PDB file of N, CA and C in Angstrom:
ATOM      1  N   UNK A   1      75.056 -51.919 155.027  1.00  0.00           N
ATOM      2  CA  UNK A   1      74.132 -52.581 155.919  1.00  0.00           C
ATOM      3  C   UNK A   1      72.927 -51.670 156.164  1.00  0.00           C
ATOM      4  N   UNK A   2      71.803 -52.223 156.598  1.00  0.00           N
ATOM      5  CA  UNK A   2      70.592 -51.430 156.805  1.00  0.00           C
ATOM      6  C   UNK A   2      70.605 -50.771 158.179  1.00  0.00           C
ATOM      7  N   UNK A   3      69.735 -49.794 158.351  1.00  0.00           N
ATOM      8  CA  UNK A   3      69.615 -49.071 159.611  1.00  0.00           C
ATOM      9  C   UNK A   3      68.435 -49.590 160.438  1.00  0.00           C
ATOM     10  N   UNK A   4      68.087 -50.846 160.276  1.00  0.00           N
ATOM     11  CA  UNK A   4      66.969 -51.413 161.021  1.00  0.00           C
ATOM     12  C   UNK A   4      67.389 -51.697 162.453  1.00  0.00           C
ATOM     13  N   UNK A   5      66.476 -51.493 163.400  1.00  0.00           N
ATOM     14  CA  UNK A   5      66.812 -51.744 164.813  1.00  0.00           C
ATOM     15  C   UNK A   5      66.926 -53.238 165.089  1.00  0.00           C
ATOM     16  N   UNK A   6      67.662 -53.621 166.135  1.00  0.00           N
ATOM     17  CA  UNK A   6      67.716 -55.038 166.506  1.00  0.00           C
ATOM     18  C   UNK A   6      66.379 -55.488 167.080  1.00  0.00           C
ATOM     19  N   UNK A   7      66.179 -56.769 167.142  1.00  0.00           N
ATOM     20  CA  UNK A   7      64.934 -57.340 167.666  1.00  0.00           C
ATOM     21  C   UNK A   7      64.755 -56.954 169.135  1.00  0.00           C
ATOM     22  N   UNK A   8      63.578 -56.441 169.527  1.00  0.00           N
ATOM     23  CA  UNK A   8      63.351 -56.072 170.929  1.00  0.00           C
ATOM     24  C   UNK A   8      63.232 -57.274 171.860  1.00  0.00           C
ATOM     25  N   UNK A   9      63.006 -58.477 171.320  1.00  0.00           N
ATOM     26  CA  UNK A   9      62.894 -59.664 172.174  1.00  0.00           C
ATOM     27  C   UNK A   9      64.235 -60.345 172.402  1.00  0.00           C
ATOM     28  N   UNK A  10      64.991 -60.578 171.323  1.00  0.00           N
ATOM     29  CA  UNK A  10      66.225 -61.363 171.458  1.00  0.00           C
ATOM     30  C   UNK A  10      67.486 -60.580 171.088  1.00  0.00           C
ATOM     31  N   UNK A  11      67.342 -59.321 170.685  1.00  0.00           N
ATOM     32  CA  UNK A  11      68.456 -58.438 170.308  1.00  0.00           C
ATOM     33  C   UNK A  11      69.232 -58.922 169.097  1.00  0.00           C
ATOM     34  N   UNK A  12      68.619 -59.712 168.243  1.00  0.00           N
ATOM     35  CA  UNK A  12      69.249 -60.159 167.003  1.00  0.00           C
ATOM     36  C   UNK A  12      69.426 -58.959 166.069  1.00  0.00           C
ATOM     37  N   UNK A  13      70.606 -58.826 165.473  1.00  0.00           N
ATOM     38  CA  UNK A  13      70.887 -57.676 164.610  1.00  0.00           C
ATOM     39  C   UNK A  13      70.542 -57.946 163.153  1.00  0.00           C
ATOM     40  N   UNK A  14      70.061 -59.141 162.825  1.00  0.00           N
ATOM     41  CA  UNK A  14      69.781 -59.516 161.439  1.00  0.00           C
ATOM     42  C   UNK A  14      68.316 -59.319 161.057  1.00  0.00           C
ATOM     43  N   UNK A  15      67.649 -58.341 161.631  1.00  0.00           N
ATOM     44  CA  UNK A  15      66.240 -58.091 161.315  1.00  0.00           C
ATOM     45  C   UNK A  15      66.115 -57.603 159.878  1.00  0.00           C
ATOM     46  N   UNK A  16      64.952 -57.856 159.288  1.00  0.00           N
ATOM     47  CA  UNK A  16      64.697 -57.447 157.907  1.00  0.00           C
ATOM     48  C   UNK A  16      63.269 -56.948 157.773  1.00  0.00           C
ATOM     49  N   UNK A  17      63.031 -56.148 156.727  1.00  0.00           N
ATOM     50  CA  UNK A  17      61.697 -55.594 156.489  1.00  0.00           C
ATOM     51  C   UNK A  17      60.869 -56.552 155.647  1.00  0.00           C
ATOM     52  N   UNK A  18      59.589 -56.646 156.005  1.00  0.00           N
ATOM     53  CA  UNK A  18      58.638 -57.409 155.209  1.00  0.00           C
ATOM     54  C   UNK A  18      57.357 -56.596 155.187  1.00  0.00           C
ATOM     55  N   UNK A  19      57.180 -55.831 154.134  1.00  0.00           N
ATOM     56  CA  UNK A  19      56.045 -54.918 154.062  1.00  0.00           C
ATOM     57  C   UNK A  19      56.220 -53.792 155.064  1.00  0.00           C
ATOM     58  N   UNK A  20      55.219 -53.575 155.908  1.00  0.00           N
ATOM     59  CA  UNK A  20      55.284 -52.513 156.918  1.00  0.00           C
ATOM     60  C   UNK A  20      55.885 -53.008 158.226  1.00  0.00           C
ATOM     61  N   UNK A  21      56.235 -54.292 158.294  1.00  0.00           N
ATOM     62  CA  UNK A  21      56.762 -54.862 159.536  1.00  0.00           C
ATOM     63  C   UNK A  21      58.257 -55.134 159.434  1.00  0.00           C
ATOM     64  N   UNK A  22      58.890 -55.205 160.594  1.00  0.00           N
ATOM     65  CA  UNK A  22      60.269 -55.649 160.696  1.00  0.00           C
ATOM     66  C   UNK A  22      60.217 -57.024 161.347  1.00  0.00           C
ATOM     67  N   UNK A  23      60.981 -57.985 160.824  1.00  0.00           N
ATOM     68  CA  UNK A  23      60.913 -59.371 161.265  1.00  0.00           C
ATOM     69  C   UNK A  23      62.292 -59.819 161.751  1.00  0.00           C
ATOM     70  N   UNK A  24      62.302 -60.595 162.823  1.00  0.00           N
ATOM     71  CA  UNK A  24      63.526 -61.186 163.337  1.00  0.00           C
ATOM     72  C   UNK A  24      63.629 -62.619 162.809  1.00  0.00           C
ATOM     73  N   UNK A  25      64.728 -62.979 162.142  1.00  0.00           N
ATOM     74  CA  UNK A  25      64.848 -64.341 161.609  1.00  0.00           C
ATOM     75  C   UNK A  25      65.139 -65.391 162.679  1.00  0.00           C
ATOM     76  N   UNK A  26      65.618 -64.987 163.850  1.00  0.00           N
ATOM     77  CA  UNK A  26      65.961 -65.958 164.883  1.00  0.00           C
ATOM     78  C   UNK A  26      64.762 -66.367 165.740  1.00  0.00           C
ATOM     79  N   UNK A  27      63.959 -65.377 166.211  1.00  0.00           N
ATOM     80  CA  UNK A  27      62.835 -65.711 167.094  1.00  0.00           C
ATOM     81  C   UNK A  27      61.475 -65.503 166.432  1.00  0.00           C
ATOM     82  N   UNK A  28      61.446 -65.030 165.178  1.00  0.00           N
ATOM     83  CA  UNK A  28      60.228 -64.812 164.392  1.00  0.00           C
ATOM     84  C   UNK A  28      59.327 -63.717 164.965  1.00  0.00           C
ATOM     85  N   UNK A  29      59.873 -62.836 165.808  1.00  0.00           N
ATOM     86  CA  UNK A  29      59.098 -61.710 166.345  1.00  0.00           C
ATOM     87  C   UNK A  29      58.903 -60.670 165.246  1.00  0.00           C
ATOM     88  N   UNK A  30      57.696 -60.129 165.150  1.00  0.00           N
ATOM     89  CA  UNK A  30      57.378 -59.088 164.176  1.00  0.00           C
ATOM     90  C   UNK A  30      56.960 -57.833 164.909  1.00  0.00           C
ATOM     91  N   UNK A  31      57.397 -56.665 164.445  1.00  0.00           N
ATOM     92  CA  UNK A  31      57.004 -55.405 165.037  1.00  0.00           C
ATOM     93  C   UNK A  31      56.974 -54.341 163.958  1.00  0.00           C
ATOM     94  N   UNK A  32      56.318 -53.238 164.263  1.00  0.00           N
ATOM     95  CA  UNK A  32      56.175 -52.144 163.318  1.00  0.00           C
ATOM     96  C   UNK A  32      57.439 -51.310 163.298  1.00  0.00           C
ATOM     97  N   UNK A  33      57.902 -50.963 162.109  1.00  0.00           N
ATOM     98  CA  UNK A  33      59.106 -50.148 161.980  1.00  0.00           C
ATOM     99  C   UNK A  33      58.836 -48.713 162.432  1.00  0.00           C
ATOM    100  N   UNK A  34      57.574 -48.276 162.372  1.00  0.00           N
ATOM    101  CA  UNK A  34      57.223 -46.908 162.753  1.00  0.00           C
ATOM    102  C   UNK A  34      57.017 -46.750 164.246  1.00  0.00           C
ATOM    103  N   UNK A  35      56.813 -47.850 164.965  1.00  0.00           N
ATOM    104  CA  UNK A  35      56.545 -47.776 166.402  1.00  0.00           C
ATOM    105  C   UNK A  35      57.788 -47.329 167.151  1.00  0.00           C
ATOM    106  N   UNK A  36      57.556 -46.672 168.272  1.00  0.00           N
ATOM    107  CA  UNK A  36      58.653 -46.247 169.119  1.00  0.00           C
ATOM    108  C   UNK A  36      59.344 -47.479 169.680  1.00  0.00           C
ATOM    109  N   UNK A  37      60.654 -47.548 169.593  1.00  0.00           N
ATOM    110  CA  UNK A  37      61.388 -48.755 169.963  1.00  0.00           C
ATOM    111  C   UNK A  37      62.046 -48.616 171.323  1.00  0.00           C
ATOM    112  N   UNK A  38      61.246 -48.559 172.388  1.00  0.00           N
ATOM    113  CA  UNK A  38      61.800 -48.502 173.734  1.00  0.00           C
ATOM    114  C   UNK A  38      61.989 -49.890 174.316  1.00  0.00           C
ATOM    115  N   UNK A  39      61.637 -50.918 173.597  1.00  0.00           N
ATOM    116  CA  UNK A  39      61.861 -52.292 174.045  1.00  0.00           C
ATOM    117  C   UNK A  39      61.051 -52.642 175.265  1.00  0.00           C
ATOM    118  N   UNK A  40      61.504 -52.254 176.450  1.00  0.00           N
ATOM    119  CA  UNK A  40      60.829 -52.612 177.689  1.00  0.00           C
ATOM    120  C   UNK A  40      59.413 -52.042 177.748  1.00  0.00           C
ATOM    121  N   UNK A  41      59.208 -50.823 177.245  1.00  0.00           N
ATOM    122  CA  UNK A  41      57.883 -50.220 177.294  1.00  0.00           C
ATOM    123  C   UNK A  41      56.887 -51.011 176.455  1.00  0.00           C
ATOM    124  N   UNK A  42      57.306 -51.459 175.273  1.00  0.00           N
ATOM    125  CA  UNK A  42      56.391 -52.205 174.419  1.00  0.00           C
ATOM    126  C   UNK A  42      56.143 -53.596 174.968  1.00  0.00           C
ATOM    127  N   UNK A  43      57.160 -54.243 175.494  1.00  0.00           N
ATOM    128  CA  UNK A  43      57.006 -55.602 175.977  1.00  0.00           C
ATOM    129  C   UNK A  43      56.306 -55.660 177.325  1.00  0.00           C
ATOM    130  N   UNK A  44      56.344 -54.585 178.089  1.00  0.00           N
ATOM    131  CA  UNK A  44      55.806 -54.616 179.439  1.00  0.00           C
ATOM    132  C   UNK A  44      54.314 -54.295 179.509  1.00  0.00           C
ATOM    133  N   UNK A  45      53.695 -53.932 178.407  1.00  0.00           N
ATOM    134  CA  UNK A  45      52.264 -53.643 178.409  1.00  0.00           C
ATOM    135  C   UNK A  45      51.513 -54.959 178.540  1.00  0.00           C
ATOM    136  N   UNK A  46      50.681 -55.058 179.559  1.00  0.00           N
ATOM    137  CA  UNK A  46      49.889 -56.267 179.786  1.00  0.00           C
ATOM    138  C   UNK A  46      48.435 -55.939 179.496  1.00  0.00           C
ATOM    139  N   UNK A  47      47.813 -56.743 178.639  1.00  0.00           N
ATOM    140  CA  UNK A  47      46.439 -56.493 178.219  1.00  0.00           C
ATOM    141  C   UNK A  47      45.542 -57.652 178.676  1.00  0.00           C
ATOM    142  N   UNK A  48      44.263 -57.310 178.911  1.00  0.00           N
ATOM    143  CA  UNK A  48      43.302 -58.339 179.312  1.00  0.00           C
ATOM    144  C   UNK A  48      42.763 -59.063 178.078  1.00  0.00           C
ATOM    145  N   UNK A  49      41.784 -59.923 178.267  1.00  0.00           N
ATOM    146  CA  UNK A  49      41.243 -60.712 177.157  1.00  0.00           C
ATOM    147  C   UNK A  49      40.528 -59.858 176.110  1.00  0.00           C
ATOM    148  N   UNK A  50      40.130 -58.655 176.477  1.00  0.00           N
ATOM    149  CA  UNK A  50      39.466 -57.751 175.536  1.00  0.00           C
ATOM    150  C   UNK A  50      40.418 -56.762 174.894  1.00  0.00           C
ATOM    151  N   UNK A  51      41.677 -56.770 175.297  1.00  0.00           N
ATOM    152  CA  UNK A  51      42.659 -55.860 174.723  1.00  0.00           C
ATOM    153  C   UNK A  51      42.861 -54.581 175.510  1.00  0.00           C
ATOM    154  N   UNK A  52      42.208 -54.433 176.653  1.00  0.00           N
ATOM    155  CA  UNK A  52      42.382 -53.240 177.481  1.00  0.00           C
ATOM    156  C   UNK A  52      43.701 -53.347 178.248  1.00  0.00           C
ATOM    157  N   UNK A  53      44.398 -52.219 178.399  1.00  0.00           N
ATOM    158  CA  UNK A  53      45.655 -52.197 179.126  1.00  0.00           C
ATOM    159  C   UNK A  53      45.374 -52.276 180.621  1.00  0.00           C
ATOM    160  N   UNK A  54      46.061 -53.188 181.300  1.00  0.00           N
ATOM    161  CA  UNK A  54      45.902 -53.352 182.747  1.00  0.00           C
ATOM    162  C   UNK A  54      47.010 -52.600 183.475  1.00  0.00           C
ATOM    163  N   UNK A  55      46.679 -52.071 184.666  1.00  0.00           N
ATOM    164  CA  UNK A  55      47.652 -51.398 185.514  1.00  0.00           C
ATOM    165  C   UNK A  55      47.511 -51.918 186.941  1.00  0.00           C
ATOM    166  N   UNK A  56      48.537 -51.682 187.748  1.00  0.00           N
ATOM    167  CA  UNK A  56      48.481 -52.085 189.151  1.00  0.00           C
ATOM    168  C   UNK A  56      47.298 -51.417 189.838  1.00  0.00           C
ATOM    169  N   UNK A  57      46.580 -52.175 190.666  1.00  0.00           N
ATOM    170  CA  UNK A  57      45.450 -51.642 191.416  1.00  0.00           C
ATOM    171  C   UNK A  57      44.115 -51.767 190.717  1.00  0.00           C
ATOM    172  N   UNK A  58      44.097 -52.218 189.465  1.00  0.00           N
ATOM    173  CA  UNK A  58      42.838 -52.397 188.734  1.00  0.00           C
ATOM    174  C   UNK A  58      42.010 -53.513 189.356  1.00  0.00           C
ATOM    175  N   UNK A  59      40.722 -53.488 189.047  1.00  0.00           N
ATOM    176  CA  UNK A  59      39.825 -54.589 189.379  1.00  0.00           C
ATOM    177  C   UNK A  59      39.518 -55.324 188.086  1.00  0.00           C
ATOM    178  N   UNK A  60      39.495 -56.652 188.145  1.00  0.00           N
ATOM    179  CA  UNK A  60      39.217 -57.462 186.966  1.00  0.00           C
ATOM    180  C   UNK A  60      38.148 -58.493 187.286  1.00  0.00           C
ATOM    181  N   UNK A  61      37.545 -59.046 186.227  1.00  0.00           N
ATOM    182  CA  UNK A  61      36.525 -60.080 186.346  1.00  0.00           C
ATOM    183  C   UNK A  61      37.018 -61.298 185.573  1.00  0.00           C
ATOM    184  N   UNK A  62      36.899 -62.471 186.164  1.00  0.00           N
ATOM    185  CA  UNK A  62      37.305 -63.718 185.518  1.00  0.00           C
ATOM    186  C   UNK A  62      36.298 -64.045 184.418  1.00  0.00           C
ATOM    187  N   UNK A  63      36.791 -64.381 183.201  1.00  0.00           N
ATOM    188  CA  UNK A  63      35.899 -64.601 182.063  1.00  0.00           C
ATOM    189  C   UNK A  63      35.642 -66.076 181.758  1.00  0.00           C
ATOM    190  N   UNK A  64      36.278 -66.990 182.508  1.00  0.00           N
ATOM    191  CA  UNK A  64      35.976 -68.416 182.339  1.00  0.00           C
ATOM    192  C   UNK A  64      36.262 -69.144 183.646  1.00  0.00           C
ATOM    193  N   UNK A  65      35.627 -70.289 183.836  1.00  0.00           N
ATOM    194  CA  UNK A  65      35.858 -71.082 185.045  1.00  0.00           C
ATOM    195  C   UNK A  65      37.312 -71.540 185.077  1.00  0.00           C
ATOM    196  N   UNK A  66      37.947 -71.414 186.254  1.00  0.00           N
ATOM    197  CA  UNK A  66      39.349 -71.785 186.407  1.00  0.00           C
ATOM    198  C   UNK A  66      39.475 -72.906 187.430  1.00  0.00           C
ATOM    199  N   UNK A  67      40.085 -73.999 187.029  1.00  0.00           N
ATOM    200  CA  UNK A  67      40.351 -75.094 187.957  1.00  0.00           C
ATOM    201  C   UNK A  67      41.559 -74.709 188.799  1.00  0.00           C
ATOM    202  N   UNK A  68      41.488 -74.993 190.097  1.00  0.00           N
ATOM    203  CA  UNK A  68      42.577 -74.693 191.020  1.00  0.00           C
ATOM    204  C   UNK A  68      43.098 -76.004 191.575  1.00  0.00           C
ATOM    205  N   UNK A  69      44.392 -76.251 191.370  1.00  0.00           N
ATOM    206  CA  UNK A  69      44.990 -77.500 191.850  1.00  0.00           C
ATOM    207  C   UNK A  69      44.848 -77.619 193.357  1.00  0.00           C
ATOM    208  N   UNK A  70      44.442 -78.795 193.811  1.00  0.00           N
ATOM    209  CA  UNK A  70      44.332 -79.051 195.239  1.00  0.00           C
ATOM    210  C   UNK A  70      43.081 -78.496 195.891  1.00  0.00           C
ATOM    211  N   UNK A  71      42.189 -77.924 195.109  1.00  0.00           N
ATOM    212  CA  UNK A  71      40.942 -77.378 195.664  1.00  0.00           C
ATOM    213  C   UNK A  71      39.757 -78.108 195.048  1.00  0.00           C
ATOM    214  N   UNK A  72      38.739 -78.413 195.833  1.00  0.00           N
ATOM    215  CA  UNK A  72      37.576 -79.116 195.284  1.00  0.00           C
ATOM    216  C   UNK A  72      36.667 -78.213 194.440  1.00  0.00           C
ATOM    217  N   UNK A  73      36.796 -76.905 194.586  1.00  0.00           N
ATOM    218  CA  UNK A  73      35.935 -75.988 193.828  1.00  0.00           C
ATOM    219  C   UNK A  73      36.773 -75.171 192.852  1.00  0.00           C
ATOM    220  N   UNK A  74      36.093 -74.643 191.843  1.00  0.00           N
ATOM    221  CA  UNK A  74      36.731 -73.817 190.825  1.00  0.00           C
ATOM    222  C   UNK A  74      36.488 -72.344 191.111  1.00  0.00           C
ATOM    223  N   UNK A  75      37.285 -71.487 190.478  1.00  0.00           N
ATOM    224  CA  UNK A  75      36.981 -70.056 190.472  1.00  0.00           C
ATOM    225  C   UNK A  75      35.952 -69.864 189.370  1.00  0.00           C
ATOM    226  N   UNK A  76      34.792 -69.395 189.730  1.00  0.00           N
ATOM    227  CA  UNK A  76      33.670 -69.307 188.787  1.00  0.00           C
ATOM    228  C   UNK A  76      33.793 -68.099 187.880  1.00  0.00           C
ATOM    229  N   UNK A  77      33.186 -68.214 186.701  1.00  0.00           N
ATOM    230  CA  UNK A  77      33.119 -67.102 185.768  1.00  0.00           C
ATOM    231  C   UNK A  77      32.386 -65.945 186.432  1.00  0.00           C
ATOM    232  N   UNK A  78      32.863 -64.729 186.236  1.00  0.00           N
ATOM    233  CA  UNK A  78      32.240 -63.556 186.828  1.00  0.00           C
ATOM    234  C   UNK A  78      32.790 -63.172 188.181  1.00  0.00           C
ATOM    235  N   UNK A  79      33.748 -63.935 188.722  1.00  0.00           N
ATOM    236  CA  UNK A  79      34.351 -63.609 190.013  1.00  0.00           C
ATOM    237  C   UNK A  79      35.163 -62.326 189.872  1.00  0.00           C
ATOM    238  N   UNK A  80      34.903 -61.367 190.739  1.00  0.00           N
ATOM    239  CA  UNK A  80      35.618 -60.088 190.687  1.00  0.00           C
ATOM    240  C   UNK A  80      36.843 -60.152 191.590  1.00  0.00           C
ATOM    241  N   UNK A  81      37.964 -59.680 191.063  1.00  0.00           N
ATOM    242  CA  UNK A  81      39.224 -59.652 191.799  1.00  0.00           C
ATOM    243  C   UNK A  81      39.661 -58.197 191.882  1.00  0.00           C
ATOM    244  N   UNK A  82      39.827 -57.686 193.108  1.00  0.00           N
ATOM    245  CA  UNK A  82      40.198 -56.286 193.313  1.00  0.00           C
ATOM    246  C   UNK A  82      41.691 -56.147 193.557  1.00  0.00           C
ATOM    247  N   UNK A  83      42.211 -54.965 193.232  1.00  0.00           N
ATOM    248  CA  UNK A  83      43.577 -54.567 193.565  1.00  0.00           C
ATOM    249  C   UNK A  83      44.624 -55.569 193.079  1.00  0.00           C
ATOM    250  N   UNK A  84      44.701 -55.745 191.751  1.00  0.00           N
ATOM    251  CA  UNK A  84      45.682 -56.671 191.192  1.00  0.00           C
ATOM    252  C   UNK A  84      47.068 -56.035 191.177  1.00  0.00           C
ATOM    253  N   UNK A  85      48.080 -56.882 191.097  1.00  0.00           N
ATOM    254  CA  UNK A  85      49.466 -56.434 190.974  1.00  0.00           C
ATOM    255  C   UNK A  85      50.063 -57.141 189.760  1.00  0.00           C
ATOM    256  N   UNK A  86      50.621 -56.372 188.806  1.00  0.00           N
ATOM    257  CA  UNK A  86      51.177 -56.950 187.591  1.00  0.00           C
ATOM    258  C   UNK A  86      52.597 -57.438 187.836  1.00  0.00           C
ATOM    259  N   UNK A  87      52.888 -58.621 187.324  1.00  0.00           N
ATOM    260  CA  UNK A  87      54.203 -59.250 187.463  1.00  0.00           C
ATOM    261  C   UNK A  87      54.704 -59.563 186.065  1.00  0.00           C
ATOM    262  N   UNK A  88      55.913 -59.123 185.745  1.00  0.00           N
ATOM    263  CA  UNK A  88      56.415 -59.288 184.380  1.00  0.00           C
ATOM    264  C   UNK A  88      57.462 -60.385 184.231  1.00  0.00           C
ATOM    265  N   UNK A  89      57.870 -61.022 185.303  1.00  0.00           N
ATOM    266  CA  UNK A  89      58.927 -62.021 185.184  1.00  0.00           C
ATOM    267  C   UNK A  89      58.524 -63.361 185.796  1.00  0.00           C
ATOM    268  N   UNK A  90      57.245 -63.690 185.717  1.00  0.00           N
ATOM    269  CA  UNK A  90      56.760 -64.933 186.319  1.00  0.00           C
ATOM    270  C   UNK A  90      56.211 -65.874 185.246  1.00  0.00           C
ATOM    271  N   UNK A  91      56.928 -66.040 184.173  1.00  0.00           N
ATOM    272  CA  UNK A  91      56.477 -66.930 183.103  1.00  0.00           C
ATOM    273  C   UNK A  91      55.245 -66.389 182.406  1.00  0.00           C
ATOM    274  N   UNK A  92      54.240 -67.240 182.232  1.00  0.00           N
ATOM    275  CA  UNK A  92      53.036 -66.817 181.514  1.00  0.00           C
ATOM    276  C   UNK A  92      51.943 -66.281 182.429  1.00  0.00           C
ATOM    277  N   UNK A  93      52.102 -66.385 183.738  1.00  0.00           N
ATOM    278  CA  UNK A  93      51.140 -65.820 184.692  1.00  0.00           C
ATOM    279  C   UNK A  93      51.620 -64.416 185.044  1.00  0.00           C
ATOM    280  N   UNK A  94      50.849 -63.401 184.691  1.00  0.00           N
ATOM    281  CA  UNK A  94      51.323 -62.036 184.853  1.00  0.00           C
ATOM    282  C   UNK A  94      50.496 -61.178 185.803  1.00  0.00           C
ATOM    283  N   UNK A  95      49.580 -61.770 186.560  1.00  0.00           N
ATOM    284  CA  UNK A  95      48.793 -61.033 187.549  1.00  0.00           C
ATOM    285  C   UNK A  95      48.928 -61.720 188.903  1.00  0.00           C
ATOM    286  N   UNK A  96      49.337 -60.974 189.906  1.00  0.00           N
ATOM    287  CA  UNK A  96      49.404 -61.465 191.280  1.00  0.00           C
ATOM    288  C   UNK A  96      48.215 -60.852 192.013  1.00  0.00           C
ATOM    289  N   UNK A  97      47.405 -61.665 192.685  1.00  0.00           N
ATOM    290  CA  UNK A  97      46.190 -61.143 193.315  1.00  0.00           C
ATOM    291  C   UNK A  97      45.741 -62.048 194.446  1.00  0.00           C
ATOM    292  N   UNK A  98      44.732 -61.587 195.159  1.00  0.00           N
ATOM    293  CA  UNK A  98      44.058 -62.397 196.170  1.00  0.00           C
ATOM    294  C   UNK A  98      42.618 -62.581 195.713  1.00  0.00           C
ATOM    295  N   UNK A  99      42.224 -63.834 195.535  1.00  0.00           N
ATOM    296  CA  UNK A  99      40.862 -64.154 195.138  1.00  0.00           C
ATOM    297  C   UNK A  99      40.108 -64.544 196.399  1.00  0.00           C
ATOM    298  N   UNK A 100      38.991 -63.868 196.630  1.00  0.00           N
ATOM    299  CA  UNK A 100      38.213 -64.122 197.845  1.00  0.00           C
ATOM    300  C   UNK A 100      37.767 -65.579 197.887  1.00  0.00           C
ATOM    301  N   UNK A 101      38.052 -66.235 198.993  1.00  0.00           N
ATOM    302  CA  UNK A 101      37.702 -67.634 199.165  1.00  0.00           C
ATOM    303  C   UNK A 101      38.782 -68.598 198.710  1.00  0.00           C
ATOM    304  N   UNK A 102      39.815 -68.101 198.000  1.00  0.00           N
ATOM    305  CA  UNK A 102      40.880 -68.957 197.497  1.00  0.00           C
ATOM    306  C   UNK A 102      42.256 -68.521 197.995  1.00  0.00           C
ATOM    307  N   UNK A 103      42.434 -67.231 198.280  1.00  0.00           N
ATOM    308  CA  UNK A 103      43.719 -66.729 198.744  1.00  0.00           C
ATOM    309  C   UNK A 103      44.576 -66.164 197.629  1.00  0.00           C
ATOM    310  N   UNK A 104      45.862 -66.009 197.924  1.00  0.00           N
ATOM    311  CA  UNK A 104      46.794 -65.414 196.973  1.00  0.00           C
ATOM    312  C   UNK A 104      47.114 -66.394 195.850  1.00  0.00           C
ATOM    313  N   UNK A 105      47.163 -65.888 194.625  1.00  0.00           N
ATOM    314  CA  UNK A 105      47.504 -66.721 193.468  1.00  0.00           C
ATOM    315  C   UNK A 105      47.892 -65.855 192.289  1.00  0.00           C
ATOM    316  N   UNK A 106      48.451 -66.498 191.269  1.00  0.00           N
ATOM    317  CA  UNK A 106      48.789 -65.848 190.015  1.00  0.00           C
ATOM    318  C   UNK A 106      47.738 -66.214 188.983  1.00  0.00           C
ATOM    319  N   UNK A 107      47.384 -65.233 188.139  1.00  0.00           N
ATOM    320  CA  UNK A 107      46.439 -65.472 187.038  1.00  0.00           C
ATOM    321  C   UNK A 107      47.068 -65.027 185.731  1.00  0.00           C
ATOM    322  N   UNK A 108      46.552 -65.567 184.647  1.00  0.00           N
ATOM    323  CA  UNK A 108      46.954 -65.122 183.313  1.00  0.00           C
ATOM    324  C   UNK A 108      46.044 -63.965 182.915  1.00  0.00           C
ATOM    325  N   UNK A 109      46.610 -63.000 182.220  1.00  0.00           N
ATOM    326  CA  UNK A 109      45.807 -61.853 181.788  1.00  0.00           C
ATOM    327  C   UNK A 109      44.790 -62.262 180.720  1.00  0.00           C
ATOM    328  N   UNK A 110      44.985 -63.405 180.077  1.00  0.00           N
ATOM    329  CA  UNK A 110      44.058 -63.845 179.031  1.00  0.00           C
ATOM    330  C   UNK A 110      42.751 -64.399 179.581  1.00  0.00           C
ATOM    331  N   UNK A 111      42.653 -64.596 180.902  1.00  0.00           N
ATOM    332  CA  UNK A 111      41.420 -65.137 181.481  1.00  0.00           C
ATOM    333  C   UNK A 111      40.661 -64.115 182.304  1.00  0.00           C
ATOM    334  N   UNK A 112      41.044 -62.837 182.197  1.00  0.00           N
ATOM    335  CA  UNK A 112      40.354 -61.780 182.930  1.00  0.00           C
ATOM    336  C   UNK A 112      40.021 -60.630 181.978  1.00  0.00           C
ATOM    337  N   UNK A 113      39.049 -59.817 182.394  1.00  0.00           N
ATOM    338  CA  UNK A 113      38.784 -58.562 181.693  1.00  0.00           C
ATOM    339  C   UNK A 113      38.641 -57.457 182.718  1.00  0.00           C
ATOM    340  N   UNK A 114      38.994 -56.266 182.322  1.00  0.00           N
ATOM    341  CA  UNK A 114      38.953 -55.116 183.224  1.00  0.00           C
ATOM    342  C   UNK A 114      37.530 -54.830 183.644  1.00  0.00           C
ATOM    343  N   UNK A 115      37.338 -54.593 184.943  1.00  0.00           N
ATOM    344  CA  UNK A 115      35.992 -54.333 185.474  1.00  0.00           C
ATOM    345  C   UNK A 115      35.638 -52.868 185.360  1.00  0.00           C
TER     346      UNK A 115
END
C-alpha cells in the first residue's frame, strides 16, 4: 500500500497521486503532497476576496453591494467594518461583525477585502 496521507477533509484513506497533487476519490478534494499536513491549520485559514489572510480584529471593506433581508437599504460597496471575528463552524459565512447602521451580522469572506 502507499504512504499517502488520508484526505484532510473527509479522512478517506484511498487518496491517490495525480501529478504533484494528492486527490481524494470520495470528496474530490485536492492538496499538495509537499504541503505540511496539519489538517486544521490548512483548513482554518480564511482569505478575503483578494487572497489576503484574515485574522481576528482586522478591518475589512465590503467589495460589492449586499442585500440584507428585512431591511429597506443595502450595505453599500466600500463600507468599512472594524474589528471582525472569524468563525469557522457557521456554514459558508465565516466573519462575525458589527456593521455600522445595520448591527451584528455574519459575512462571507468572499465579499470583503482587507483594509
